[in-house]
Amino acid sequence: MPMSETELLLKGYGLTTAEIFYRMPDYQNVLNTFVWQEYDLAPDHPRLFEFIEFWQDSIEGPLHSIRYSHRTMLSSGEWRSVVGELTYH
């Protein structure tokens, strides 16, 4: 069963966004873009590299360049366990 987004964030994953520039198969002088987003682990980015390998093996448009950013959505100082809850009427 896949992990939820919260579980991924608690395990250190962050949101990786990649802007992929590739050449059109029939028009090599034309560059097109594709935006990819996934929760991934920095600095190795295994999911991003897995997607790049998939692209090179399965998609006809040759890659030109890739620009990416990574943002950790939750850090250790931002999360805390709540033991109780108070409600005022």
N, C-alpha and C. Protein backbone atom coordinates (compact mmCIF):
# COMPACT_ATOMS: atom_id res chain seq x y z
N MET A 1 0.84 -1.18 0.00
CA MET A 1 0.00 0.00 0.00
C MET A 1 0.89 1.25 0.00
N PRO A 2 0.62 2.19 -0.89
CA PRO A 2 1.44 3.40 -0.95
C PRO A 2 1.26 4.26 0.30
N MET A 3 2.32 4.97 0.67
CA MET A 3 2.27 5.85 1.84
C MET A 3 1.48 7.11 1.52
N SER A 4 0.84 7.65 2.54
CA SER A 4 0.11 8.91 2.36
C SER A 4 1.12 10.06 2.27
N GLU A 5 0.63 11.22 1.84
CA GLU A 5 1.50 12.39 1.72
C GLU A 5 2.08 12.77 3.08
N THR A 6 1.29 12.66 4.13
CA THR A 6 1.77 13.00 5.47
C THR A 6 2.88 12.05 5.90
N GLU A 7 2.72 10.76 5.64
CA GLU A 7 3.77 9.79 5.98
C GLU A 7 5.06 10.09 5.23
N LEU A 8 4.94 10.44 3.94
CA LEU A 8 6.12 10.79 3.17
C LEU A 8 6.82 12.01 3.75
N LEU A 9 6.04 13.03 4.12
CA LEU A 9 6.63 14.25 4.67
C LEU A 9 7.34 13.96 5.99
N LEU A 10 6.75 13.11 6.83
CA LEU A 10 7.36 12.79 8.11
C LEU A 10 8.63 11.96 7.94
N LYS A 11 8.77 11.27 6.80
CA LYS A 11 9.97 10.48 6.53
C LYS A 11 11.05 11.29 5.82
N GLY A 12 10.83 12.59 5.64
CA GLY A 12 11.87 13.45 5.06
C GLY A 12 11.69 13.77 3.59
N TYR A 13 10.61 13.32 2.98
CA TYR A 13 10.39 13.63 1.58
C TYR A 13 9.99 15.09 1.42
N GLY A 14 10.26 15.64 0.27
CA GLY A 14 9.84 16.99 -0.07
C GLY A 14 9.29 16.99 -1.48
N LEU A 15 8.66 18.08 -1.86
CA LEU A 15 8.07 18.18 -3.19
C LEU A 15 9.14 18.60 -4.19
N THR A 16 9.38 17.76 -5.18
CA THR A 16 10.32 18.06 -6.25
C THR A 16 9.52 18.42 -7.50
N THR A 17 9.85 19.55 -8.09
CA THR A 17 9.22 19.99 -9.32
C THR A 17 10.30 20.09 -10.38
N ALA A 18 10.07 19.45 -11.52
CA ALA A 18 11.04 19.48 -12.62
C ALA A 18 10.37 20.03 -13.87
N GLU A 19 11.04 20.98 -14.50
CA GLU A 19 10.61 21.48 -15.80
C GLU A 19 11.53 20.84 -16.84
N ILE A 20 10.95 20.00 -17.66
CA ILE A 20 11.72 19.20 -18.62
C ILE A 20 11.57 19.82 -20.01
N PHE A 21 12.70 20.16 -20.61
CA PHE A 21 12.71 20.69 -21.97
C PHE A 21 13.12 19.55 -22.89
N TYR A 22 12.33 19.32 -23.93
CA TYR A 22 12.63 18.23 -24.86
C TYR A 22 12.34 18.68 -26.29
N ARG A 23 12.98 18.00 -27.21
CA ARG A 23 12.81 18.31 -28.63
C ARG A 23 11.66 17.48 -29.19
N MET A 24 10.89 18.10 -30.06
CA MET A 24 9.81 17.37 -30.73
C MET A 24 10.43 16.35 -31.68
N PRO A 25 9.92 15.12 -31.71
CA PRO A 25 10.53 14.08 -32.54
C PRO A 25 10.62 14.44 -34.02
N ASP A 26 9.57 15.04 -34.58
CA ASP A 26 9.56 15.37 -36.01
C ASP A 26 10.12 16.75 -36.32
N TYR A 27 10.27 17.59 -35.32
CA TYR A 27 10.76 18.95 -35.51
C TYR A 27 11.86 19.21 -34.48
N GLN A 28 13.07 18.83 -34.78
CA GLN A 28 14.18 18.89 -33.84
C GLN A 28 14.54 20.31 -33.41
N ASN A 29 14.11 21.32 -34.16
CA ASN A 29 14.41 22.70 -33.79
C ASN A 29 13.37 23.29 -32.83
N VAL A 30 12.34 22.52 -32.52
CA VAL A 30 11.27 22.99 -31.63
C VAL A 30 11.46 22.38 -30.24
N LEU A 31 11.53 23.25 -29.22
CA LEU A 31 11.60 22.78 -27.84
C LEU A 31 10.21 22.86 -27.21
N ASN A 32 9.87 21.85 -26.46
CA ASN A 32 8.61 21.81 -25.74
C ASN A 32 8.92 21.59 -24.27
N THR A 33 7.98 21.86 -23.39
CA THR A 33 8.21 21.68 -21.96
C THR A 33 7.18 20.73 -21.36
N PHE A 34 7.60 20.07 -20.30
CA PHE A 34 6.74 19.17 -19.53
C PHE A 34 7.07 19.41 -18.06
N VAL A 35 6.05 19.60 -17.23
CA VAL A 35 6.28 19.82 -15.80
C VAL A 35 5.92 18.54 -15.05
N TRP A 36 6.85 18.10 -14.21
CA TRP A 36 6.70 16.87 -13.42
C TRP A 36 6.82 17.22 -11.95
N GLN A 37 5.91 16.69 -11.10
CA GLN A 37 5.98 16.91 -9.66
C GLN A 37 5.77 15.59 -8.94
N GLU A 38 6.57 15.39 -7.90
CA GLU A 38 6.47 14.16 -7.11
C GLU A 38 7.17 14.39 -5.77
N TYR A 39 6.74 13.67 -4.75
CA TYR A 39 7.46 13.70 -3.48
C TYR A 39 8.71 12.85 -3.64
N ASP A 40 9.86 13.42 -3.26
CA ASP A 40 11.15 12.77 -3.49
C ASP A 40 12.11 13.10 -2.36
N LEU A 41 13.18 12.34 -2.28
CA LEU A 41 14.20 12.54 -1.25
C LEU A 41 15.40 13.27 -1.83
N ALA A 42 15.73 14.41 -1.22
CA ALA A 42 16.94 15.13 -1.63
C ALA A 42 18.11 14.58 -0.81
N PRO A 43 19.32 14.60 -1.25
CA PRO A 43 19.81 15.18 -2.49
C PRO A 43 19.89 14.18 -3.65
N ASP A 44 19.53 12.91 -3.40
CA ASP A 44 19.70 11.89 -4.45
C ASP A 44 18.58 11.89 -5.48
N HIS A 45 17.39 12.29 -5.13
CA HIS A 45 16.24 12.36 -6.03
C HIS A 45 16.01 11.07 -6.82
N PRO A 46 15.78 9.93 -6.13
CA PRO A 46 15.61 8.67 -6.84
C PRO A 46 14.40 8.63 -7.76
N ARG A 47 13.29 9.25 -7.36
CA ARG A 47 12.09 9.22 -8.22
C ARG A 47 12.28 10.07 -9.47
N LEU A 48 12.96 11.20 -9.34
CA LEU A 48 13.22 12.04 -10.51
C LEU A 48 14.10 11.30 -11.51
N PHE A 49 15.18 10.67 -11.02
CA PHE A 49 16.06 9.95 -11.93
C PHE A 49 15.37 8.72 -12.54
N GLU A 50 14.48 8.10 -11.78
CA GLU A 50 13.70 6.98 -12.33
C GLU A 50 12.81 7.46 -13.46
N PHE A 51 12.19 8.66 -13.30
CA PHE A 51 11.35 9.21 -14.36
C PHE A 51 12.19 9.59 -15.58
N ILE A 52 13.38 10.14 -15.36
CA ILE A 52 14.25 10.50 -16.49
C ILE A 52 14.64 9.25 -17.28
N GLU A 53 14.97 8.17 -16.56
CA GLU A 53 15.29 6.91 -17.25
C GLU A 53 14.09 6.39 -18.03
N PHE A 54 12.88 6.48 -17.45
CA PHE A 54 11.67 6.08 -18.16
C PHE A 54 11.51 6.90 -19.43
N TRP A 55 11.72 8.22 -19.31
CA TRP A 55 11.58 9.10 -20.47
C TRP A 55 12.54 8.68 -21.58
N GLN A 56 13.80 8.47 -21.23
CA GLN A 56 14.80 8.12 -22.24
C GLN A 56 14.50 6.77 -22.88
N ASP A 57 13.92 5.83 -22.13
CA ASP A 57 13.64 4.50 -22.67
C ASP A 57 12.32 4.43 -23.44
N SER A 58 11.34 5.26 -23.08
CA SER A 58 9.98 5.06 -23.59
C SER A 58 9.41 6.19 -24.43
N ILE A 59 9.96 7.39 -24.35
CA ILE A 59 9.38 8.53 -25.04
C ILE A 59 10.32 8.98 -26.15
N GLU A 60 9.74 9.28 -27.30
CA GLU A 60 10.55 9.58 -28.49
C GLU A 60 11.23 10.95 -28.45
N GLY A 61 10.67 11.90 -27.72
CA GLY A 61 11.24 13.25 -27.70
C GLY A 61 12.53 13.29 -26.90
N PRO A 62 13.68 13.54 -27.57
CA PRO A 62 14.96 13.57 -26.85
C PRO A 62 15.03 14.75 -25.88
N LEU A 63 15.61 14.50 -24.71
CA LEU A 63 15.73 15.53 -23.69
C LEU A 63 16.75 16.59 -24.10
N HIS A 64 16.42 17.83 -23.83
CA HIS A 64 17.34 18.94 -24.05
C HIS A 64 17.96 19.36 -22.73
N SER A 65 17.12 19.65 -21.72
CA SER A 65 17.61 20.05 -20.41
C SER A 65 16.49 19.87 -19.38
N ILE A 66 16.90 19.88 -18.11
CA ILE A 66 15.94 19.75 -17.01
C ILE A 66 16.31 20.76 -15.94
N ARG A 67 15.31 21.49 -15.48
CA ARG A 67 15.49 22.44 -14.39
C ARG A 67 14.57 21.98 -13.26
N TYR A 68 15.12 21.84 -12.05
CA TYR A 68 14.29 21.33 -10.97
C TYR A 68 14.51 22.10 -9.67
N SER A 69 13.53 22.00 -8.80
CA SER A 69 13.64 22.58 -7.46
C SER A 69 13.05 21.58 -6.47
N HIS A 70 13.50 21.69 -5.24
CA HIS A 70 13.03 20.78 -4.20
C HIS A 70 12.69 21.59 -2.97
N ARG A 71 11.54 21.33 -2.40
CA ARG A 71 11.10 22.06 -1.20
C ARG A 71 10.64 21.06 -0.16
N THR A 72 11.30 21.08 1.00
CA THR A 72 10.86 20.26 2.12
C THR A 72 9.66 20.96 2.74
N MET A 73 8.55 20.28 2.75
CA MET A 73 7.32 20.90 3.20
C MET A 73 7.19 20.91 4.73
N LEU A 74 7.89 20.02 5.39
CA LEU A 74 7.75 19.88 6.83
C LEU A 74 9.12 19.60 7.41
N SER A 75 9.54 20.39 8.36
CA SER A 75 10.82 20.12 8.99
C SER A 75 10.59 19.69 10.44
N SER A 76 11.62 19.19 11.07
CA SER A 76 11.47 18.64 12.41
C SER A 76 10.96 19.67 13.41
N GLY A 77 11.27 20.93 13.24
CA GLY A 77 10.81 21.95 14.16
C GLY A 77 9.38 22.39 13.94
N GLU A 78 8.77 22.01 12.83
CA GLU A 78 7.43 22.46 12.50
C GLU A 78 6.34 21.47 12.90
N TRP A 79 6.71 20.25 13.27
CA TRP A 79 5.72 19.24 13.61
C TRP A 79 5.83 18.91 15.08
N ARG A 80 4.70 18.76 15.73
CA ARG A 80 4.72 18.35 17.13
C ARG A 80 3.51 17.48 17.40
N SER A 81 3.63 16.60 18.35
CA SER A 81 2.57 15.71 18.73
C SER A 81 1.65 16.42 19.71
N VAL A 82 0.35 16.31 19.50
CA VAL A 82 -0.63 16.91 20.38
C VAL A 82 -1.23 15.80 21.23
N VAL A 83 -1.14 15.97 22.56
CA VAL A 83 -1.60 14.94 23.47
C VAL A 83 -3.08 15.12 23.81
N GLY A 84 -3.55 16.34 23.94
CA GLY A 84 -4.93 16.56 24.32
C GLY A 84 -5.53 17.72 23.55
N GLU A 85 -6.82 17.95 23.79
CA GLU A 85 -7.50 19.04 23.11
C GLU A 85 -8.46 19.66 24.10
N LEU A 86 -8.50 21.00 24.16
CA LEU A 86 -9.42 21.73 25.02
C LEU A 86 -10.49 22.38 24.17
N THR A 87 -11.72 22.28 24.61
CA THR A 87 -12.83 22.90 23.88
C THR A 87 -13.59 23.82 24.83
N TYR A 88 -13.81 25.07 24.44
CA TYR A 88 -14.59 26.03 25.24
C TYR A 88 -15.93 26.21 24.57
N HIS A 89 -16.97 26.27 25.42
CA HIS A 89 -18.33 26.43 24.88
C HIS A 89 -18.71 27.85 24.78
